[in-house]
PDB file of all heavy atoms in Angstrom:
ATOM      1  N   ASP A   1      18.566   1.130  -5.728  1.00  0.00           N
ATOM      2  CA  ASP A   1      18.458   1.882  -6.965  1.00  0.00           C
ATOM      3  C   ASP A   1      19.726   1.701  -7.684  1.00  0.00           C
ATOM      4  O   ASP A   1      19.658   1.525  -9.015  1.00  0.00           O
ATOM      5  CB  ASP A   1      18.077   3.310  -6.757  1.00  0.00           C
ATOM      6  CG  ASP A   1      16.747   3.553  -6.342  1.00  0.00           C
ATOM      7  OD1 ASP A   1      15.859   2.685  -6.532  1.00  0.00           O
ATOM      8  OD2 ASP A   1      16.376   4.624  -5.810  1.00  0.00           O
ATOM      9  N   SER A   2      20.800   1.729  -7.036  1.00  0.00           N
ATOM     10  CA  SER A   2      22.178   1.686  -7.610  1.00  0.00           C
ATOM     11  C   SER A   2      22.479   0.294  -8.488  1.00  0.00           C
ATOM     12  O   SER A   2      23.329   0.418  -9.319  1.00  0.00           O
ATOM     13  CB  SER A   2      23.287   1.886  -6.676  1.00  0.00           C
ATOM     14  OG  SER A   2      23.297   0.850  -5.620  1.00  0.00           O
ATOM     15  N   VAL A   3      21.711  -0.599  -8.236  1.00  0.00           N
ATOM     16  CA  VAL A   3      21.979  -2.039  -8.786  1.00  0.00           C
ATOM     17  C   VAL A   3      20.825  -2.433  -9.788  1.00  0.00           C
ATOM     18  O   VAL A   3      20.927  -3.434 -10.489  1.00  0.00           O
ATOM     19  CB  VAL A   3      22.352  -3.010  -7.877  1.00  0.00           C
ATOM     20  CG1 VAL A   3      23.385  -2.608  -6.956  1.00  0.00           C
ATOM     21  CG2 VAL A   3      21.094  -3.432  -7.087  1.00  0.00           C
ATOM     22  N   LYS A   4      19.734  -1.626  -9.675  1.00  0.00           N
ATOM     23  CA  LYS A   4      18.528  -2.052 -10.605  1.00  0.00           C
ATOM     24  C   LYS A   4      18.945  -2.224 -12.060  1.00  0.00           C
ATOM     25  O   LYS A   4      19.617  -1.280 -12.577  1.00  0.00           O
ATOM     26  CB  LYS A   4      17.442  -1.140 -10.495  1.00  0.00           C
ATOM     27  CG  LYS A   4      16.697  -1.272  -9.189  1.00  0.00           C
ATOM     28  CD  LYS A   4      15.495  -0.347  -8.994  1.00  0.00           C
ATOM     29  CE  LYS A   4      14.778  -0.386  -7.654  1.00  0.00           C
ATOM     30  NZ  LYS A   4      13.741   0.697  -7.492  1.00  0.00           N
ATOM     31  N   GLY A   5      18.553  -3.259 -12.620  1.00  0.00           N
ATOM     32  CA  GLY A   5      18.872  -3.410 -14.096  1.00  0.00           C
ATOM     33  C   GLY A   5      20.171  -4.177 -14.260  1.00  0.00           C
ATOM     34  O   GLY A   5      20.553  -4.562 -15.444  1.00  0.00           O
ATOM     35  N   ARG A   6      21.164  -4.276 -13.303  1.00  0.00           N
ATOM     36  CA  ARG A   6      22.298  -4.898 -13.356  1.00  0.00           C
ATOM     37  C   ARG A   6      22.386  -6.083 -12.499  1.00  0.00           C
ATOM     38  O   ARG A   6      23.148  -7.122 -12.907  1.00  0.00           O
ATOM     39  CB  ARG A   6      23.428  -3.949 -12.947  1.00  0.00           C
ATOM     40  CG  ARG A   6      23.463  -2.541 -13.820  1.00  0.00           C
ATOM     41  CD  ARG A   6      24.677  -1.766 -13.443  1.00  0.00           C
ATOM     42  NE  ARG A   6      24.728  -1.386 -12.129  1.00  0.00           N
ATOM     43  CZ  ARG A   6      25.707  -1.560 -11.144  1.00  0.00           C
ATOM     44  NH1 ARG A   6      26.708  -2.297 -11.616  1.00  0.00           N
ATOM     45  NH2 ARG A   6      25.551  -1.138  -9.966  1.00  0.00           N
ATOM     46  N   PHE A   7      21.844  -6.069 -11.318  1.00  0.00           N
ATOM     47  CA  PHE A   7      21.859  -7.405 -10.502  1.00  0.00           C
ATOM     48  C   PHE A   7      20.515  -8.036 -10.379  1.00  0.00           C
ATOM     49  O   PHE A   7      19.458  -7.385 -10.566  1.00  0.00           O
ATOM     50  CB  PHE A   7      22.192  -6.921  -9.139  1.00  0.00           C
ATOM     51  CG  PHE A   7      23.717  -6.248  -8.780  1.00  0.00           C
ATOM     52  CD1 PHE A   7      24.432  -5.996  -9.986  1.00  0.00           C
ATOM     53  CD2 PHE A   7      24.034  -6.087  -7.636  1.00  0.00           C
ATOM     54  CE1 PHE A   7      25.691  -5.438  -9.679  1.00  0.00           C
ATOM     55  CE2 PHE A   7      25.295  -5.500  -7.306  1.00  0.00           C
ATOM     56  CZ  PHE A   7      26.254  -5.303  -8.459  1.00  0.00           C
ATOM     57  N   THR A   8      20.628  -9.390 -10.304  1.00  0.00           N
ATOM     58  CA  THR A   8      19.400 -10.207 -10.142  1.00  0.00           C
ATOM     59  C   THR A   8      19.658 -11.081  -9.013  1.00  0.00           C
ATOM     60  O   THR A   8      20.524 -11.850  -8.892  1.00  0.00           O
ATOM     61  CB  THR A   8      19.094 -11.048 -11.411  1.00  0.00           C
ATOM     62  OG1 THR A   8      19.104 -10.161 -12.526  1.00  0.00           O
ATOM     63  CG2 THR A   8      17.817 -11.790 -11.288  1.00  0.00           C
ATOM     64  N   ILE A   9      18.670 -11.164  -8.145  1.00  0.00           N
ATOM     65  CA  ILE A   9      18.792 -12.016  -6.854  1.00  0.00           C
ATOM     66  C   ILE A   9      17.765 -13.197  -7.187  1.00  0.00           C
ATOM     67  O   ILE A   9      16.683 -12.936  -7.782  1.00  0.00           O
ATOM     68  CB  ILE A   9      18.311 -11.328  -5.654  1.00  0.00           C
ATOM     69  CG1 ILE A   9      18.608 -12.274  -4.404  1.00  0.00           C
ATOM     70  CG2 ILE A   9      16.899 -10.870  -5.695  1.00  0.00           C
ATOM     71  CD1 ILE A   9      18.472 -11.591  -3.017  1.00  0.00           C
ATOM     72  N   SER A  10      18.093 -14.445  -6.857  1.00  0.00           N
ATOM     73  CA  SER A  10      17.254 -15.613  -7.034  1.00  0.00           C
ATOM     74  C   SER A  10      17.452 -16.503  -5.889  1.00  0.00           C
ATOM     75  O   SER A  10      18.500 -16.398  -5.260  1.00  0.00           O
ATOM     76  CB  SER A  10      17.565 -16.199  -8.406  1.00  0.00           C
ATOM     77  OG  SER A  10      18.850 -16.579  -8.485  1.00  0.00           O
ATOM     78  N   ARG A  11      16.599 -17.527  -5.773  1.00  0.00           N
ATOM     79  CA  ARG A  11      16.794 -18.416  -4.755  1.00  0.00           C
ATOM     80  C   ARG A  11      16.371 -19.823  -5.157  1.00  0.00           C
ATOM     81  O   ARG A  11      15.525 -19.964  -6.139  1.00  0.00           O
ATOM     82  CB  ARG A  11      16.041 -18.010  -3.388  1.00  0.00           C
ATOM     83  CG  ARG A  11      14.556 -17.951  -3.622  1.00  0.00           C
ATOM     84  CD  ARG A  11      13.791 -17.384  -2.465  1.00  0.00           C
ATOM     85  NE  ARG A  11      14.044 -18.250  -1.204  1.00  0.00           N
ATOM     86  CZ  ARG A  11      13.524 -17.933   0.025  1.00  0.00           C
ATOM     87  NH1 ARG A  11      13.009 -16.690   0.269  1.00  0.00           N
ATOM     88  NH2 ARG A  11      13.587 -18.766   0.983  1.00  0.00           N
ATOM     89  N   ASN A  12      16.929 -20.817  -4.631  1.00  0.00           N
ATOM     90  CA  ASN A  12      16.520 -22.213  -4.980  1.00  0.00           C
ATOM     91  C   ASN A  12      16.243 -22.878  -3.553  1.00  0.00           C
ATOM     92  O   ASN A  12      17.056 -23.111  -2.787  1.00  0.00           O
ATOM     93  CB  ASN A  12      17.731 -23.005  -5.599  1.00  0.00           C
ATOM     94  CG  ASN A  12      17.324 -24.473  -6.015  1.00  0.00           C
ATOM     95  OD1 ASN A  12      16.707 -25.156  -5.214  1.00  0.00           O
ATOM     96  ND2 ASN A  12      17.767 -24.919  -7.139  1.00  0.00           N
ATOM     97  N   ASN A  13      14.979 -23.043  -3.381  1.00  0.00           N
ATOM     98  CA  ASN A  13      14.475 -23.469  -1.953  1.00  0.00           C
ATOM     99  C   ASN A  13      14.792 -25.005  -1.706  1.00  0.00           C
ATOM    100  O   ASN A  13      15.007 -25.325  -0.561  1.00  0.00           O
ATOM    101  CB  ASN A  13      13.084 -23.222  -1.797  1.00  0.00           C
ATOM    102  CG  ASN A  13      12.698 -21.714  -1.800  1.00  0.00           C
ATOM    103  OD1 ASN A  13      13.476 -20.959  -1.228  1.00  0.00           O
ATOM    104  ND2 ASN A  13      11.464 -21.416  -2.275  1.00  0.00           N
ATOM    105  N   VAL A  14      14.919 -25.699  -2.740  1.00  0.00           N
ATOM    106  CA  VAL A  14      15.290 -27.050  -2.673  1.00  0.00           C
ATOM    107  C   VAL A  14      16.718 -27.249  -2.214  1.00  0.00           C
ATOM    108  O   VAL A  14      16.967 -28.129  -1.254  1.00  0.00           O
ATOM    109  CB  VAL A  14      14.978 -27.876  -3.965  1.00  0.00           C
ATOM    110  CG1 VAL A  14      15.567 -29.320  -3.739  1.00  0.00           C
ATOM    111  CG2 VAL A  14      13.610 -27.855  -4.437  1.00  0.00           C
ATOM    112  N   LYS A  15      17.531 -26.465  -2.733  1.00  0.00           N
ATOM    113  CA  LYS A  15      18.994 -26.444  -2.393  1.00  0.00           C
ATOM    114  C   LYS A  15      19.302 -25.487  -1.305  1.00  0.00           C
ATOM    115  O   LYS A  15      20.611 -25.599  -0.905  1.00  0.00           O
ATOM    116  CB  LYS A  15      19.862 -26.242  -3.710  1.00  0.00           C
ATOM    117  CG  LYS A  15      19.695 -27.170  -4.739  1.00  0.00           C
ATOM    118  CD  LYS A  15      20.637 -26.953  -5.937  1.00  0.00           C
ATOM    119  CE  LYS A  15      20.524 -27.895  -7.046  1.00  0.00           C
ATOM    120  NZ  LYS A  15      21.511 -27.577  -8.124  1.00  0.00           N
ATOM    121  N   ASN A  16      18.463 -24.749  -0.697  1.00  0.00           N
ATOM    122  CA  ASN A  16      18.643 -23.772   0.198  1.00  0.00           C
ATOM    123  C   ASN A  16      19.796 -22.826  -0.190  1.00  0.00           C
ATOM    124  O   ASN A  16      20.796 -22.576   0.594  1.00  0.00           O
ATOM    125  CB  ASN A  16      19.019 -24.473   1.577  1.00  0.00           C
ATOM    126  CG  ASN A  16      17.799 -25.114   2.130  1.00  0.00           C
ATOM    127  OD1 ASN A  16      16.808 -24.721   2.042  1.00  0.00           O
ATOM    128  ND2 ASN A  16      18.129 -26.351   2.675  1.00  0.00           N
ATOM    129  N   MET A  17      19.656 -22.319  -1.494  1.00  0.00           N
ATOM    130  CA  MET A  17      20.702 -21.487  -1.938  1.00  0.00           C
ATOM    131  C   MET A  17      20.009 -20.103  -2.263  1.00  0.00           C
ATOM    132  O   MET A  17      18.889 -20.159  -2.856  1.00  0.00           O
ATOM    133  CB  MET A  17      21.348 -21.973  -3.190  1.00  0.00           C
ATOM    134  CG  MET A  17      22.181 -23.246  -2.914  1.00  0.00           C
ATOM    135  SD  MET A  17      23.747 -23.050  -2.105  1.00  0.00           S
ATOM    136  CE  MET A  17      24.664 -22.043  -3.243  1.00  0.00           C
ATOM    137  N   VAL A  18      20.772 -19.007  -2.166  1.00  0.00           N
ATOM    138  CA  VAL A  18      20.371 -17.697  -2.826  1.00  0.00           C
ATOM    139  C   VAL A  18      21.582 -17.270  -3.536  1.00  0.00           C
ATOM    140  O   VAL A  18      22.759 -17.459  -3.123  1.00  0.00           O
ATOM    141  CB  VAL A  18      20.190 -16.681  -1.565  1.00  0.00           C
ATOM    142  CG1 VAL A  18      19.821 -15.330  -2.076  1.00  0.00           C
ATOM    143  CG2 VAL A  18      18.994 -17.237  -0.655  1.00  0.00           C
ATOM    144  N   TYR A  19      21.246 -16.672  -4.760  1.00  0.00           N
ATOM    145  CA  TYR A  19      22.170 -16.168  -5.674  1.00  0.00           C
ATOM    146  C   TYR A  19      22.003 -14.755  -5.977  1.00  0.00           C
ATOM    147  O   TYR A  19      21.005 -14.077  -5.882  1.00  0.00           O
ATOM    148  CB  TYR A  19      22.009 -16.932  -6.926  1.00  0.00           C
ATOM    149  CG  TYR A  19      22.140 -18.538  -6.784  1.00  0.00           C
ATOM    150  CD1 TYR A  19      20.974 -19.171  -6.774  1.00  0.00           C
ATOM    151  CD2 TYR A  19      23.334 -19.108  -6.623  1.00  0.00           C
ATOM    152  CE1 TYR A  19      20.914 -20.583  -6.611  1.00  0.00           C
ATOM    153  CE2 TYR A  19      23.397 -20.589  -6.560  1.00  0.00           C
ATOM    154  CZ  TYR A  19      22.178 -21.236  -6.623  1.00  0.00           C
ATOM    155  OH  TYR A  19      22.168 -22.571  -6.440  1.00  0.00           O
ATOM    156  N   LEU A  20      23.191 -14.121  -6.243  1.00  0.00           N
ATOM    157  CA  LEU A  20      23.247 -12.733  -6.881  1.00  0.00           C
ATOM    158  C   LEU A  20      24.044 -12.654  -8.053  1.00  0.00           C
ATOM    159  O   LEU A  20      25.277 -12.775  -7.974  1.00  0.00           O
ATOM    160  CB  LEU A  20      23.793 -11.800  -5.725  1.00  0.00           C
ATOM    161  CG  LEU A  20      23.609 -10.239  -6.138  1.00  0.00           C
ATOM    162  CD1 LEU A  20      22.165  -9.800  -6.036  1.00  0.00           C
ATOM    163  CD2 LEU A  20      24.459  -9.453  -5.124  1.00  0.00           C
ATOM    164  N   GLN A  21      23.297 -12.434  -9.175  1.00  0.00           N
ATOM    165  CA  GLN A  21      23.919 -12.344 -10.466  1.00  0.00           C
ATOM    166  C   GLN A  21      24.322 -10.886 -10.589  1.00  0.00           C
ATOM    167  O   GLN A  21      23.447  -9.991 -10.651  1.00  0.00           O
ATOM    168  CB  GLN A  21      23.215 -12.913 -11.615  1.00  0.00           C
ATOM    169  CG  GLN A  21      23.751 -12.686 -12.937  1.00  0.00           C
ATOM    170  CD  GLN A  21      25.013 -13.456 -13.061  1.00  0.00           C
ATOM    171  OE1 GLN A  21      25.103 -14.731 -12.741  1.00  0.00           O
ATOM    172  NE2 GLN A  21      25.996 -12.898 -13.759  1.00  0.00           N
ATOM    173  N   MET A  22      25.514 -10.581 -10.822  1.00  0.00           N
ATOM    174  CA  MET A  22      25.888  -9.196 -11.029  1.00  0.00           C
ATOM    175  C   MET A  22      26.600  -8.905 -12.228  1.00  0.00           C
ATOM    176  O   MET A  22      27.627  -9.519 -12.596  1.00  0.00           O
ATOM    177  CB  MET A  22      26.969  -8.773  -9.821  1.00  0.00           C
ATOM    178  CG  MET A  22      26.557  -9.073  -8.380  1.00  0.00           C
ATOM    179  SD  MET A  22      27.588  -8.553  -7.088  1.00  0.00           S
ATOM    180  CE  MET A  22      29.045  -9.612  -7.402  1.00  0.00           C
ATOM    181  N   ASN A  23      25.974  -8.234 -13.108  1.00  0.00           N
ATOM    182  CA  ASN A  23      26.392  -7.809 -14.524  1.00  0.00           C
ATOM    183  C   ASN A  23      26.805  -6.344 -14.596  1.00  0.00           C
ATOM    184  O   ASN A  23      26.290  -5.484 -13.823  1.00  0.00           O
ATOM    185  CB  ASN A  23      25.389  -8.155 -15.496  1.00  0.00           C
ATOM    186  CG  ASN A  23      24.917  -9.546 -15.456  1.00  0.00           C
ATOM    187  OD1 ASN A  23      25.760 -10.356 -15.246  1.00  0.00           O
ATOM    188  ND2 ASN A  23      23.717  -9.844 -15.775  1.00  0.00           N
ATOM    189  N   ASP A  24      27.526  -6.032 -15.568  1.00  0.00           N
ATOM    190  CA  ASP A  24      27.995  -4.690 -15.775  1.00  0.00           C
ATOM    191  C   ASP A  24      28.523  -3.973 -14.612  1.00  0.00           C
ATOM    192  O   ASP A  24      28.072  -2.848 -14.130  1.00  0.00           O
ATOM    193  CB  ASP A  24      26.791  -3.844 -16.323  1.00  0.00           C
ATOM    194  CG  ASP A  24      27.262  -2.398 -16.847  1.00  0.00           C
ATOM    195  OD1 ASP A  24      28.412  -2.241 -17.194  1.00  0.00           O
ATOM    196  OD2 ASP A  24      26.347  -1.468 -16.817  1.00  0.00           O
ATOM    197  N   LEU A  25      29.447  -4.654 -13.897  1.00  0.00           N
ATOM    198  CA  LEU A  25      29.992  -4.256 -12.644  1.00  0.00           C
ATOM    199  C   LEU A  25      30.743  -2.886 -12.853  1.00  0.00           C
ATOM    200  O   LEU A  25      31.380  -2.795 -13.876  1.00  0.00           O
ATOM    201  CB  LEU A  25      30.854  -5.343 -11.990  1.00  0.00           C
ATOM    202  CG  LEU A  25      30.020  -6.466 -11.290  1.00  0.00           C
ATOM    203  CD1 LEU A  25      30.883  -7.700 -11.274  1.00  0.00           C
ATOM    204  CD2 LEU A  25      29.495  -6.028 -10.067  1.00  0.00           C
ATOM    205  N   LYS A  26      30.728  -2.093 -11.720  1.00  0.00           N
ATOM    206  CA  LYS A  26      31.396  -0.849 -11.676  1.00  0.00           C
ATOM    207  C   LYS A  26      32.297  -0.743 -10.497  1.00  0.00           C
ATOM    208  O   LYS A  26      32.081  -1.475  -9.510  1.00  0.00           O
ATOM    209  CB  LYS A  26      30.217   0.250 -11.699  1.00  0.00           C
ATOM    210  CG  LYS A  26      29.210   0.225 -12.779  1.00  0.00           C
ATOM    211  CD  LYS A  26      28.152   1.332 -12.499  1.00  0.00           C
ATOM    212  CE  LYS A  26      27.208   1.298 -13.580  1.00  0.00           C
ATOM    213  NZ  LYS A  26      26.146   2.290 -13.517  1.00  0.00           N
ATOM    214  N   ALA A  27      33.168   0.126 -10.547  1.00  0.00           N
ATOM    215  CA  ALA A  27      34.154   0.239  -9.526  1.00  0.00           C
ATOM    216  C   ALA A  27      33.506   0.592  -8.121  1.00  0.00           C
ATOM    217  O   ALA A  27      33.970   0.098  -7.133  1.00  0.00           O
ATOM    218  CB  ALA A  27      35.169   1.450  -9.814  1.00  0.00           C
ATOM    219  N   GLU A  28      32.410   1.369  -8.122  1.00  0.00           N
ATOM    220  CA  GLU A  28      31.700   1.546  -6.990  1.00  0.00           C
ATOM    221  C   GLU A  28      30.936   0.450  -6.377  1.00  0.00           C
ATOM    222  O   GLU A  28      30.312   0.380  -5.320  1.00  0.00           O
ATOM    223  CB  GLU A  28      30.638   2.742  -7.095  1.00  0.00           C
ATOM    224  CG  GLU A  28      29.749   2.492  -8.348  1.00  0.00           C
ATOM    225  CD  GLU A  28      30.263   3.272  -9.557  1.00  0.00           C
ATOM    226  OE1 GLU A  28      31.479   3.276  -9.863  1.00  0.00           O
ATOM    227  OE2 GLU A  28      29.529   3.939 -10.284  1.00  0.00           O
ATOM    228  N   ASP A  29      31.024  -0.780  -7.207  1.00  0.00           N
ATOM    229  CA  ASP A  29      30.317  -1.969  -6.596  1.00  0.00           C
ATOM    230  C   ASP A  29      31.312  -2.691  -5.613  1.00  0.00           C
ATOM    231  O   ASP A  29      30.996  -3.728  -5.054  1.00  0.00           O
ATOM    232  CB  ASP A  29      29.826  -2.967  -7.663  1.00  0.00           C
ATOM    233  CG  ASP A  29      28.706  -2.379  -8.535  1.00  0.00           C
ATOM    234  OD1 ASP A  29      27.802  -1.776  -7.941  1.00  0.00           O
ATOM    235  OD2 ASP A  29      28.820  -2.444  -9.684  1.00  0.00           O
ATOM    236  N   THR A  30      32.629  -2.270  -5.665  1.00  0.00           N
ATOM    237  CA  THR A  30      33.528  -2.757  -4.765  1.00  0.00           C
ATOM    238  C   THR A  30      33.266  -2.762  -3.408  1.00  0.00           C
ATOM    239  O   THR A  30      32.886  -1.682  -2.815  1.00  0.00           O
ATOM    240  CB  THR A  30      35.003  -2.227  -4.979  1.00  0.00           C
ATOM    241  OG1 THR A  30      35.350  -2.385  -6.269  1.00  0.00           O
ATOM    242  CG2 THR A  30      35.980  -2.653  -4.000  1.00  0.00           C
ATOM    243  N   ALA A  31      33.136  -3.945  -2.728  1.00  0.00           N
ATOM    244  CA  ALA A  31      32.714  -4.121  -1.279  1.00  0.00           C
ATOM    245  C   ALA A  31      32.828  -5.468  -0.817  1.00  0.00           C
ATOM    246  O   ALA A  31      32.957  -6.309  -1.621  1.00  0.00           O
ATOM    247  CB  ALA A  31      31.241  -3.538  -1.167  1.00  0.00           C
ATOM    248  N   VAL A  32      32.652  -5.689   0.467  1.00  0.00           N
ATOM    249  CA  VAL A  32      32.340  -6.983   0.944  1.00  0.00           C
ATOM    250  C   VAL A  32      30.883  -7.244   0.989  1.00  0.00           C
ATOM    251  O   VAL A  32      30.070  -6.438   1.410  1.00  0.00           O
ATOM    252  CB  VAL A  32      32.883  -7.106   2.466  1.00  0.00           C
ATOM    253  CG1 VAL A  32      32.558  -8.524   2.955  1.00  0.00           C
ATOM    254  CG2 VAL A  32      34.364  -6.877   2.438  1.00  0.00           C
ATOM    255  N   TYR A  33      30.451  -8.361   0.414  1.00  0.00           N
ATOM    256  CA  TYR A  33      29.098  -8.673   0.046  1.00  0.00           C
ATOM    257  C   TYR A  33      28.759  -9.731   1.138  1.00  0.00           C
ATOM    258  O   TYR A  33      29.390 -10.709   1.409  1.00  0.00           O
ATOM    259  CB  TYR A  33      28.802  -9.177  -1.265  1.00  0.00           C
ATOM    260  CG  TYR A  33      28.690  -8.082  -2.206  1.00  0.00           C
ATOM    261  CD1 TYR A  33      29.909  -7.434  -2.578  1.00  0.00           C
ATOM    262  CD2 TYR A  33      27.580  -7.628  -2.861  1.00  0.00           C
ATOM    263  CE1 TYR A  33      29.942  -6.346  -3.480  1.00  0.00           C
ATOM    264  CE2 TYR A  33      27.617  -6.633  -3.777  1.00  0.00           C
ATOM    265  CZ  TYR A  33      28.646  -5.969  -4.086  1.00  0.00           C
ATOM    266  OH  TYR A  33      28.660  -4.877  -4.926  1.00  0.00           O
ATOM    267  N   TYR A  34      27.516  -9.432   1.925  1.00  0.00           N
ATOM    268  CA  TYR A  34      27.110 -10.313   3.014  1.00  0.00           C
ATOM    269  C   TYR A  34      25.758 -10.881   2.618  1.00  0.00           C
ATOM    270  O   TYR A  34      24.819 -10.129   2.193  1.00  0.00           O
ATOM    271  CB  TYR A  34      27.004  -9.591   4.407  1.00  0.00           C
ATOM    272  CG  TYR A  34      28.279  -9.071   4.709  1.00  0.00           C
ATOM    273  CD1 TYR A  34      28.757  -7.759   4.485  1.00  0.00           C
ATOM    274  CD2 TYR A  34      29.185  -9.847   5.750  1.00  0.00           C
ATOM    275  CE1 TYR A  34      29.915  -7.270   5.074  1.00  0.00           C
ATOM    276  CE2 TYR A  34      30.298  -9.409   6.181  1.00  0.00           C
ATOM    277  CZ  TYR A  34      30.654  -8.034   5.851  1.00  0.00           C
ATOM    278  OH  TYR A  34      31.902  -7.555   6.317  1.00  0.00           O
TER     279      TYR A  34
END
Protein backbone atom coordinates (compact mmCIF):
# COMPACT_ATOMS: atom_id res chain seq x y z
CA ASP A 1 0.00 0.00 0.00
CA SER A 2 2.84 2.37 0.79
CA VAL A 3 4.13 2.36 -2.79
CA LYS A 4 0.92 2.08 -4.83
CA GLY A 5 0.71 4.81 -7.43
CA ARG A 6 4.43 5.58 -7.12
CA PHE A 7 6.23 2.33 -7.98
CA THR A 8 5.79 0.11 -11.03
CA ILE A 9 7.14 -3.41 -11.41
CA SER A 10 7.70 -4.89 -14.86
CA ARG A 11 9.53 -7.79 -16.43
CA ASN A 12 11.17 -8.67 -19.74
CA ASN A 13 11.03 -12.43 -20.11
CA VAL A 14 13.27 -12.42 -23.19
CA LYS A 15 16.05 -10.64 -21.33
CA ASN A 16 15.29 -12.33 -17.99
CA MET A 17 15.04 -8.94 -16.33
CA VAL A 18 12.74 -7.49 -13.67
CA TYR A 19 12.48 -3.77 -13.10
CA LEU A 20 11.17 -1.50 -10.39
CA GLN A 21 10.45 2.06 -11.45
CA MET A 22 10.26 4.23 -8.36
CA ASN A 23 8.83 7.73 -8.64
CA ASP A 24 8.09 10.42 -6.07
CA LEU A 25 10.51 8.84 -3.66
CA LYS A 26 10.20 9.61 0.02
CA ALA A 27 12.65 9.42 2.89
CA GLU A 28 10.79 6.38 4.22
CA ASP A 29 11.64 4.51 1.02
CA THR A 30 15.26 4.40 2.16
CA ALA A 31 16.24 0.74 2.44
CA VAL A 32 18.19 -2.08 0.89
CA TYR A 33 16.10 -3.43 -1.97
CA TYR A 34 16.26 -7.14 -2.75
